[in-house]
PDB file of all heavy atoms in Angstrom:
ATOM      1  N   LEU A   1       0.824  -1.201   0.000  1.00  0.00           N
ATOM      2  CA  LEU A   1       0.000   0.000   0.000  1.00  0.00           C
ATOM      3  C   LEU A   1       0.859   1.252   0.000  1.00  0.00           C
ATOM      4  O   LEU A   1       2.011   1.242   0.435  1.00  0.00           O
ATOM      5  CB  LEU A   1      -0.896   0.024   1.242  1.00  0.00           C
ATOM      6  CG  LEU A   1      -1.925  -1.101   1.385  1.00  0.00           C
ATOM      7  CD1 LEU A   1      -2.587  -1.012   2.756  1.00  0.00           C
ATOM      8  CD2 LEU A   1      -2.963  -1.034   0.287  1.00  0.00           C
ATOM      9  N   LEU A   2       0.277   2.334  -0.481  1.00  0.00           N
ATOM     10  CA  LEU A   2       0.814   3.674  -0.291  1.00  0.00           C
ATOM     11  C   LEU A   2       0.116   4.310   0.908  1.00  0.00           C
ATOM     12  O   LEU A   2      -1.024   3.957   1.227  1.00  0.00           O
ATOM     13  CB  LEU A   2       0.550   4.546  -1.526  1.00  0.00           C
ATOM     14  CG  LEU A   2       1.355   4.259  -2.791  1.00  0.00           C
ATOM     15  CD1 LEU A   2       0.800   5.093  -3.932  1.00  0.00           C
ATOM     16  CD2 LEU A   2       2.823   4.590  -2.570  1.00  0.00           C
ATOM     17  N   TRP A   3       0.788   5.255   1.556  1.00  0.00           N
ATOM     18  CA  TRP A   3       0.165   5.907   2.696  1.00  0.00           C
ATOM     19  C   TRP A   3      -1.026   6.756   2.255  1.00  0.00           C
ATOM     20  O   TRP A   3      -2.114   6.678   2.818  1.00  0.00           O
ATOM     21  CB  TRP A   3       1.181   6.759   3.452  1.00  0.00           C
ATOM     22  CG  TRP A   3       0.545   7.704   4.422  1.00  0.00           C
ATOM     23  CD1 TRP A   3       0.685   9.048   4.474  1.00  0.00           C
ATOM     24  CD2 TRP A   3      -0.373   7.363   5.464  1.00  0.00           C
ATOM     25  NE1 TRP A   3      -0.077   9.574   5.488  1.00  0.00           N
ATOM     26  CE2 TRP A   3      -0.746   8.556   6.123  1.00  0.00           C
ATOM     27  CE3 TRP A   3      -0.915   6.163   5.920  1.00  0.00           C
ATOM     28  CZ2 TRP A   3      -1.614   8.588   7.199  1.00  0.00           C
ATOM     29  CZ3 TRP A   3      -1.793   6.183   7.001  1.00  0.00           C
ATOM     30  CH2 TRP A   3      -2.137   7.387   7.621  1.00  0.00           C
ATOM     31  N   HIS A   4      -0.862   7.559   1.211  1.00  0.00           N
ATOM     32  CA  HIS A   4      -1.899   8.503   0.827  1.00  0.00           C
ATOM     33  C   HIS A   4      -1.680   8.883  -0.630  1.00  0.00           C
ATOM     34  O   HIS A   4      -0.537   9.031  -1.075  1.00  0.00           O
ATOM     35  CB  HIS A   4      -1.816   9.748   1.717  1.00  0.00           C
ATOM     36  CG  HIS A   4      -3.040  10.605   1.715  1.00  0.00           C
ATOM     37  ND1 HIS A   4      -3.435  11.350   0.626  1.00  0.00           N
ATOM     38  CD2 HIS A   4      -3.982  10.834   2.676  1.00  0.00           C
ATOM     39  CE1 HIS A   4      -4.542  12.005   0.913  1.00  0.00           C
ATOM     40  NE2 HIS A   4      -4.902  11.709   2.150  1.00  0.00           N
ATOM     41  N   ALA A   5      -2.763   9.043  -1.374  1.00  0.00           N
ATOM     42  CA  ALA A   5      -2.651   9.393  -2.793  1.00  0.00           C
ATOM     43  C   ALA A   5      -1.928  10.717  -2.991  1.00  0.00           C
ATOM     44  O   ALA A   5      -1.229  10.916  -3.987  1.00  0.00           O
ATOM     45  CB  ALA A   5      -4.041   9.449  -3.433  1.00  0.00           C
ATOM     46  N   GLU A   6      -2.080  11.642  -2.057  1.00  0.00           N
ATOM     47  CA  GLU A   6      -1.464  12.975  -2.190  1.00  0.00           C
ATOM     48  C   GLU A   6      -0.157  13.096  -1.412  1.00  0.00           C
ATOM     49  O   GLU A   6       0.513  14.128  -1.492  1.00  0.00           O
ATOM     50  CB  GLU A   6      -2.443  14.047  -1.716  1.00  0.00           C
ATOM     51  CG  GLU A   6      -3.724  14.101  -2.546  1.00  0.00           C
ATOM     52  CD  GLU A   6      -4.725  15.111  -2.011  1.00  0.00           C
ATOM     53  OE1 GLU A   6      -4.403  15.751  -0.992  1.00  0.00           O
ATOM     54  OE2 GLU A   6      -5.798  15.241  -2.602  1.00  0.00           O
ATOM     55  N   HIS A   7       0.198  12.058  -0.667  1.00  0.00           N
ATOM     56  CA  HIS A   7       1.423  12.084   0.135  1.00  0.00           C
ATOM     57  C   HIS A   7       2.116  10.731   0.010  1.00  0.00           C
ATOM     58  O   HIS A   7       2.092   9.924   0.944  1.00  0.00           O
ATOM     59  CB  HIS A   7       1.117  12.389   1.602  1.00  0.00           C
ATOM     60  CG  HIS A   7       0.392  13.671   1.809  1.00  0.00           C
ATOM     61  ND1 HIS A   7       1.016  14.899   1.734  1.00  0.00           N
ATOM     62  CD2 HIS A   7      -0.918  13.931   2.052  1.00  0.00           C
ATOM     63  CE1 HIS A   7       0.124  15.853   1.948  1.00  0.00           C
ATOM     64  NE2 HIS A   7      -1.053  15.298   2.140  1.00  0.00           N
ATOM     65  N   PRO A   8       2.728  10.447  -1.147  1.00  0.00           N
ATOM     66  CA  PRO A   8       3.361   9.140  -1.334  1.00  0.00           C
ATOM     67  C   PRO A   8       4.526   8.951  -0.377  1.00  0.00           C
ATOM     68  O   PRO A   8       5.119   9.922   0.108  1.00  0.00           O
ATOM     69  CB  PRO A   8       3.844   9.194  -2.787  1.00  0.00           C
ATOM     70  CG  PRO A   8       4.028  10.652  -3.064  1.00  0.00           C
ATOM     71  CD  PRO A   8       2.937  11.348  -2.291  1.00  0.00           C
ATOM     72  N   ALA A   9       4.849   7.702  -0.106  1.00  0.00           N
ATOM     73  CA  ALA A   9       5.957   7.385   0.789  1.00  0.00           C
ATOM     74  C   ALA A   9       6.590   6.078   0.348  1.00  0.00           C
ATOM     75  O   ALA A   9       5.897   5.170  -0.119  1.00  0.00           O
ATOM     76  CB  ALA A   9       5.469   7.285   2.237  1.00  0.00           C
ATOM     77  N   VAL A  10       7.885   5.989   0.506  1.00  0.00           N
ATOM     78  CA  VAL A  10       8.618   4.767   0.200  1.00  0.00           C
ATOM     79  C   VAL A  10       8.443   3.796   1.357  1.00  0.00           C
ATOM     80  O   VAL A  10       8.747   4.127   2.509  1.00  0.00           O
ATOM     81  CB  VAL A  10      10.119   5.059  -0.018  1.00  0.00           C
ATOM     82  CG1 VAL A  10      10.877   3.762  -0.287  1.00  0.00           C
ATOM     83  CG2 VAL A  10      10.304   6.035  -1.162  1.00  0.00           C
ATOM     84  N   CYS A  11       7.947   2.610   1.063  1.00  0.00           N
ATOM     85  CA  CYS A  11       7.792   1.579   2.087  1.00  0.00           C
ATOM     86  C   CYS A  11       9.130   0.879   2.278  1.00  0.00           C
ATOM     87  O   CYS A  11       9.731   0.395   1.314  1.00  0.00           O
ATOM     88  CB  CYS A  11       6.716   0.580   1.653  1.00  0.00           C
ATOM     89  SG  CYS A  11       6.493  -0.778   2.821  1.00  0.00           S
ATOM     90  N   THR A  12       9.612   0.818   3.518  1.00  0.00           N
ATOM     91  CA  THR A  12      10.911   0.205   3.792  1.00  0.00           C
ATOM     92  C   THR A  12      10.849  -0.907   4.834  1.00  0.00           C
ATOM     93  O   THR A  12      11.888  -1.338   5.345  1.00  0.00           O
ATOM     94  CB  THR A  12      11.928   1.273   4.246  1.00  0.00           C
ATOM     95  OG1 THR A  12      11.427   1.941   5.406  1.00  0.00           O
ATOM     96  CG2 THR A  12      12.192   2.286   3.144  1.00  0.00           C
ATOM     97  N   SER A  13       9.637  -1.382   5.167  1.00  0.00           N
ATOM     98  CA  SER A  13       9.541  -2.510   6.102  1.00  0.00           C
ATOM     99  C   SER A  13       8.217  -3.227   5.906  1.00  0.00           C
ATOM    100  O   SER A  13       7.239  -2.649   5.434  1.00  0.00           O
ATOM    101  CB  SER A  13       9.670  -2.037   7.558  1.00  0.00           C
ATOM    102  OG  SER A  13       8.576  -1.205   7.922  1.00  0.00           O
ATOM    103  N   MET A  14       8.209  -4.503   6.272  1.00  0.00           N
ATOM    104  CA  MET A  14       6.999  -5.320   6.196  1.00  0.00           C
ATOM    105  C   MET A  14       6.950  -6.239   7.411  1.00  0.00           C
ATOM    106  O   MET A  14       7.950  -6.885   7.749  1.00  0.00           O
ATOM    107  CB  MET A  14       7.007  -6.149   4.907  1.00  0.00           C
ATOM    108  CG  MET A  14       5.892  -7.196   4.824  1.00  0.00           C
ATOM    109  SD  MET A  14       5.861  -8.063   3.237  1.00  0.00           S
ATOM    110  CE  MET A  14       4.945  -6.867   2.259  1.00  0.00           C
ATOM    111  N   ARG A  15       5.812  -6.263   8.069  1.00  0.00           N
ATOM    112  CA  ARG A  15       5.664  -7.194   9.188  1.00  0.00           C
ATOM    113  C   ARG A  15       5.568  -8.632   8.680  1.00  0.00           C
ATOM    114  O   ARG A  15       5.156  -8.882   7.545  1.00  0.00           O
ATOM    115  CB  ARG A  15       4.409  -6.859  10.003  1.00  0.00           C
ATOM    116  CG  ARG A  15       4.503  -5.537  10.718  1.00  0.00           C
ATOM    117  CD  ARG A  15       3.443  -5.353  11.789  1.00  0.00           C
ATOM    118  NE  ARG A  15       2.100  -5.240  11.270  1.00  0.00           N
ATOM    119  CZ  ARG A  15       1.043  -4.866  12.002  1.00  0.00           C
ATOM    120  NH1 ARG A  15       1.201  -4.566  13.281  1.00  0.00           N
ATOM    121  NH2 ARG A  15      -0.157  -4.772  11.466  1.00  0.00           N
ATOM    122  N   GLY A  16       5.937  -9.577   9.527  1.00  0.00           N
ATOM    123  CA  GLY A  16       5.734 -10.989   9.223  1.00  0.00           C
ATOM    124  C   GLY A  16       4.375 -11.439   9.717  1.00  0.00           C
ATOM    125  O   GLY A  16       3.608 -10.669  10.310  1.00  0.00           O
ATOM    126  N   MET A  17       4.062 -12.731   9.506  1.00  0.00           N
ATOM    127  CA  MET A  17       2.743 -13.212   9.868  1.00  0.00           C
ATOM    128  C   MET A  17       2.771 -14.707  10.143  1.00  0.00           C
ATOM    129  O   MET A  17       3.538 -15.464   9.539  1.00  0.00           O
ATOM    130  CB  MET A  17       1.749 -12.931   8.731  1.00  0.00           C
ATOM    131  CG  MET A  17       0.315 -13.297   9.068  1.00  0.00           C
ATOM    132  SD  MET A  17      -0.798 -13.125   7.646  1.00  0.00           S
ATOM    133  CE  MET A  17      -0.309 -14.526   6.668  1.00  0.00           C
ATOM    134  N   ILE A  18       1.908 -15.121  11.067  1.00  0.00           N
ATOM    135  CA  ILE A  18       1.643 -16.534  11.287  1.00  0.00           C
ATOM    136  C   ILE A  18       0.168 -16.674  11.654  1.00  0.00           C
ATOM    137  O   ILE A  18      -0.400 -15.804  12.327  1.00  0.00           O
ATOM    138  CB  ILE A  18       2.570 -17.126  12.375  1.00  0.00           C
ATOM    139  CG1 ILE A  18       2.403 -18.639  12.450  1.00  0.00           C
ATOM    140  CG2 ILE A  18       2.338 -16.471  13.723  1.00  0.00           C
ATOM    141  CD1 ILE A  18       3.465 -19.312  13.284  1.00  0.00           C
ATOM    142  N   SER A  19      -0.465 -17.730  11.182  1.00  0.00           N
ATOM    143  CA  SER A  19      -1.896 -17.951  11.410  1.00  0.00           C
ATOM    144  C   SER A  19      -2.108 -19.144  12.324  1.00  0.00           C
ATOM    145  O   SER A  19      -1.307 -20.092  12.335  1.00  0.00           O
ATOM    146  CB  SER A  19      -2.624 -18.194  10.079  1.00  0.00           C
ATOM    147  OG  SER A  19      -2.475 -17.088   9.214  1.00  0.00           O
ATOM    148  N   ALA A  20      -3.194 -19.102  13.078  1.00  0.00           N
ATOM    149  CA  ALA A  20      -3.543 -20.200  13.987  1.00  0.00           C
ATOM    150  C   ALA A  20      -5.048 -20.423  13.980  1.00  0.00           C
ATOM    151  O   ALA A  20      -5.822 -19.479  13.793  1.00  0.00           O
ATOM    152  CB  ALA A  20      -3.052 -19.900  15.404  1.00  0.00           C
ATOM    153  N   GLN A  21      -5.445 -21.666  14.198  1.00  0.00           N
ATOM    154  CA  GLN A  21      -6.855 -22.047  14.289  1.00  0.00           C
ATOM    155  C   GLN A  21      -7.042 -22.802  15.602  1.00  0.00           C
ATOM    156  O   GLN A  21      -6.361 -23.790  15.857  1.00  0.00           O
ATOM    157  CB  GLN A  21      -7.240 -22.943  13.113  1.00  0.00           C
ATOM    158  CG  GLN A  21      -8.737 -23.153  12.935  1.00  0.00           C
ATOM    159  CD  GLN A  21      -9.372 -22.074  12.073  1.00  0.00           C
ATOM    160  OE1 GLN A  21      -8.675 -21.351  11.374  1.00  0.00           O
ATOM    161  NE2 GLN A  21     -10.679 -21.974  12.105  1.00  0.00           N
ATOM    162  N   LEU A  22      -7.946 -22.309  16.455  1.00  0.00           N
ATOM    163  CA  LEU A  22      -8.200 -22.944  17.750  1.00  0.00           C
ATOM    164  C   LEU A  22      -9.630 -23.457  17.798  1.00  0.00           C
ATOM    165  O   LEU A  22     -10.580 -22.690  17.624  1.00  0.00           O
ATOM    166  CB  LEU A  22      -7.970 -21.951  18.893  1.00  0.00           C
ATOM    167  CG  LEU A  22      -8.300 -22.447  20.303  1.00  0.00           C
ATOM    168  CD1 LEU A  22      -7.444 -23.655  20.677  1.00  0.00           C
ATOM    169  CD2 LEU A  22      -8.131 -21.324  21.318  1.00  0.00           C
ATOM    170  N   GLN A  23      -9.777 -24.765  18.017  1.00  0.00           N
ATOM    171  CA  GLN A  23     -11.093 -25.393  18.182  1.00  0.00           C
ATOM    172  C   GLN A  23     -11.226 -25.859  19.624  1.00  0.00           C
ATOM    173  O   GLN A  23     -10.337 -26.544  20.155  1.00  0.00           O
ATOM    174  CB  GLN A  23     -11.262 -26.572  17.229  1.00  0.00           C
ATOM    175  CG  GLN A  23     -11.303 -26.168  15.765  1.00  0.00           C
ATOM    176  CD  GLN A  23     -11.450 -27.364  14.844  1.00  0.00           C
ATOM    177  OE1 GLN A  23     -10.775 -28.367  15.011  1.00  0.00           O
ATOM    178  NE2 GLN A  23     -12.328 -27.246  13.864  1.00  0.00           N
ATOM    179  N   VAL A  24     -12.330 -25.479  20.254  1.00  0.00           N
ATOM    180  CA  VAL A  24     -12.604 -25.853  21.643  1.00  0.00           C
ATOM    181  C   VAL A  24     -13.828 -26.768  21.655  1.00  0.00           C
ATOM    182  O   VAL A  24     -14.866 -26.450  21.064  1.00  0.00           O
ATOM    183  CB  VAL A  24     -12.863 -24.606  22.506  1.00  0.00           C
ATOM    184  CG1 VAL A  24     -13.185 -25.011  23.947  1.00  0.00           C
ATOM    185  CG2 VAL A  24     -11.653 -23.678  22.478  1.00  0.00           C
ATOM    186  N   TYR A  25     -13.686 -27.927  22.342  1.00  0.00           N
ATOM    187  CA  TYR A  25     -14.749 -28.938  22.356  1.00  0.00           C
ATOM    188  C   TYR A  25     -15.392 -29.015  23.736  1.00  0.00           C
ATOM    189  O   TYR A  25     -14.704 -29.167  24.744  1.00  0.00           O
ATOM    190  CB  TYR A  25     -14.184 -30.307  21.978  1.00  0.00           C
ATOM    191  CG  TYR A  25     -13.490 -30.321  20.636  1.00  0.00           C
ATOM    192  CD1 TYR A  25     -12.092 -30.282  20.559  1.00  0.00           C
ATOM    193  CD2 TYR A  25     -14.220 -30.335  19.446  1.00  0.00           C
ATOM    194  CE1 TYR A  25     -11.457 -30.289  19.335  1.00  0.00           C
ATOM    195  CE2 TYR A  25     -13.585 -30.337  18.219  1.00  0.00           C
ATOM    196  CZ  TYR A  25     -12.202 -30.308  18.169  1.00  0.00           C
ATOM    197  OH  TYR A  25     -11.580 -30.298  16.960  1.00  0.00           O
ATOM    198  N   GLY A  26     -16.733 -28.879  23.775  1.00  0.00           N
ATOM    199  CA  GLY A  26     -17.491 -28.995  25.019  1.00  0.00           C
ATOM    200  C   GLY A  26     -18.236 -30.313  25.073  1.00  0.00           C
ATOM    201  O   GLY A  26     -17.608 -31.377  25.165  1.00  0.00           O
ATOM    202  N   PRO A  27     -19.581 -30.300  25.009  1.00  0.00           N
ATOM    203  CA  PRO A  27     -20.338 -31.557  24.982  1.00  0.00           C
ATOM    204  C   PRO A  27     -19.928 -32.421  23.790  1.00  0.00           C
ATOM    205  O   PRO A  27     -19.382 -31.930  22.800  1.00  0.00           O
ATOM    206  CB  PRO A  27     -21.785 -31.084  24.845  1.00  0.00           C
ATOM    207  CG  PRO A  27     -21.788 -29.686  25.361  1.00  0.00           C
ATOM    208  CD  PRO A  27     -20.455 -29.115  25.003  1.00  0.00           C
ATOM    209  N   LEU A  28     -20.206 -33.698  23.879  1.00  0.00           N
ATOM    210  CA  LEU A  28     -19.852 -34.610  22.797  1.00  0.00           C
ATOM    211  C   LEU A  28     -20.716 -34.404  21.568  1.00  0.00           C
ATOM    212  O   LEU A  28     -20.385 -34.873  20.484  1.00  0.00           O
ATOM    213  CB  LEU A  28     -19.962 -36.059  23.281  1.00  0.00           C
ATOM    214  CG  LEU A  28     -19.064 -36.417  24.482  1.00  0.00           C
ATOM    215  CD1 LEU A  28     -19.227 -37.900  24.842  1.00  0.00           C
ATOM    216  CD2 LEU A  28     -17.608 -36.093  24.186  1.00  0.00           C
ATOM    217  N   ARG A  29     -21.847 -33.734  21.731  1.00  0.00           N
ATOM    218  CA  ARG A  29     -22.706 -33.355  20.612  1.00  0.00           C
ATOM    219  C   ARG A  29     -23.476 -32.119  21.046  1.00  0.00           C
ATOM    220  O   ARG A  29     -23.457 -31.743  22.213  1.00  0.00           O
ATOM    221  CB  ARG A  29     -23.678 -34.494  20.255  1.00  0.00           C
ATOM    222  CG  ARG A  29     -24.560 -34.925  21.410  1.00  0.00           C
ATOM    223  CD  ARG A  29     -25.525 -36.038  21.016  1.00  0.00           C
ATOM    224  NE  ARG A  29     -26.332 -36.482  22.143  1.00  0.00           N
ATOM    225  CZ  ARG A  29     -27.433 -35.887  22.586  1.00  0.00           C
ATOM    226  NH1 ARG A  29     -27.864 -34.771  21.969  1.00  0.00           N
ATOM    227  NH2 ARG A  29     -28.098 -36.345  23.608  1.00  0.00           N
ATOM    228  N   ASP A  30     -24.146 -31.440  20.097  1.00  0.00           N
ATOM    229  CA  ASP A  30     -25.030 -30.338  20.479  1.00  0.00           C
ATOM    230  C   ASP A  30     -26.130 -30.883  21.371  1.00  0.00           C
ATOM    231  O   ASP A  30     -26.807 -31.854  21.010  1.00  0.00           O
ATOM    232  CB  ASP A  30     -25.654 -29.706  19.230  1.00  0.00           C
ATOM    233  CG  ASP A  30     -24.628 -28.964  18.374  1.00  0.00           C
ATOM    234  OD1 ASP A  30     -23.475 -28.833  18.818  1.00  0.00           O
ATOM    235  OD2 ASP A  30     -24.997 -28.525  17.274  1.00  0.00           O
ATOM    236  N   VAL A  31     -26.307 -30.260  22.545  1.00  0.00           N
ATOM    237  CA  VAL A  31     -27.255 -30.786  23.531  1.00  0.00           C
ATOM    238  C   VAL A  31     -28.284 -29.712  23.870  1.00  0.00           C
ATOM    239  O   VAL A  31     -27.930 -28.550  24.110  1.00  0.00           O
ATOM    240  CB  VAL A  31     -26.516 -31.236  24.816  1.00  0.00           C
ATOM    241  CG1 VAL A  31     -27.510 -31.832  25.815  1.00  0.00           C
ATOM    242  CG2 VAL A  31     -25.428 -32.243  24.485  1.00  0.00           C
ATOM    243  N   HIS A  32     -29.560 -30.093  23.900  1.00  0.00           N
ATOM    244  CA  HIS A  32     -30.658 -29.189  24.239  1.00  0.00           C
ATOM    245  C   HIS A  32     -30.337 -28.436  25.530  1.00  0.00           C
ATOM    246  O   HIS A  32     -30.074 -29.025  26.574  1.00  0.00           O
ATOM    247  CB  HIS A  32     -31.946 -30.003  24.388  1.00  0.00           C
ATOM    248  CG  HIS A  32     -33.122 -29.193  24.848  1.00  0.00           C
ATOM    249  ND1 HIS A  32     -33.338 -27.894  24.494  1.00  0.00           N
ATOM    250  CD2 HIS A  32     -34.179 -29.550  25.657  1.00  0.00           C
ATOM    251  CE1 HIS A  32     -34.453 -27.457  25.044  1.00  0.00           C
ATOM    252  NE2 HIS A  32     -34.981 -28.450  25.763  1.00  0.00           N
TER     253      HIS A  32
END
């Protein structure tokens, strides 16, 4: 991305990334 259409800027860094998926299990099935 650019910062602003009227105020361009040179990008000199990029963050890294890692993704995670957490599943939590309660009852053994959906229960009334």
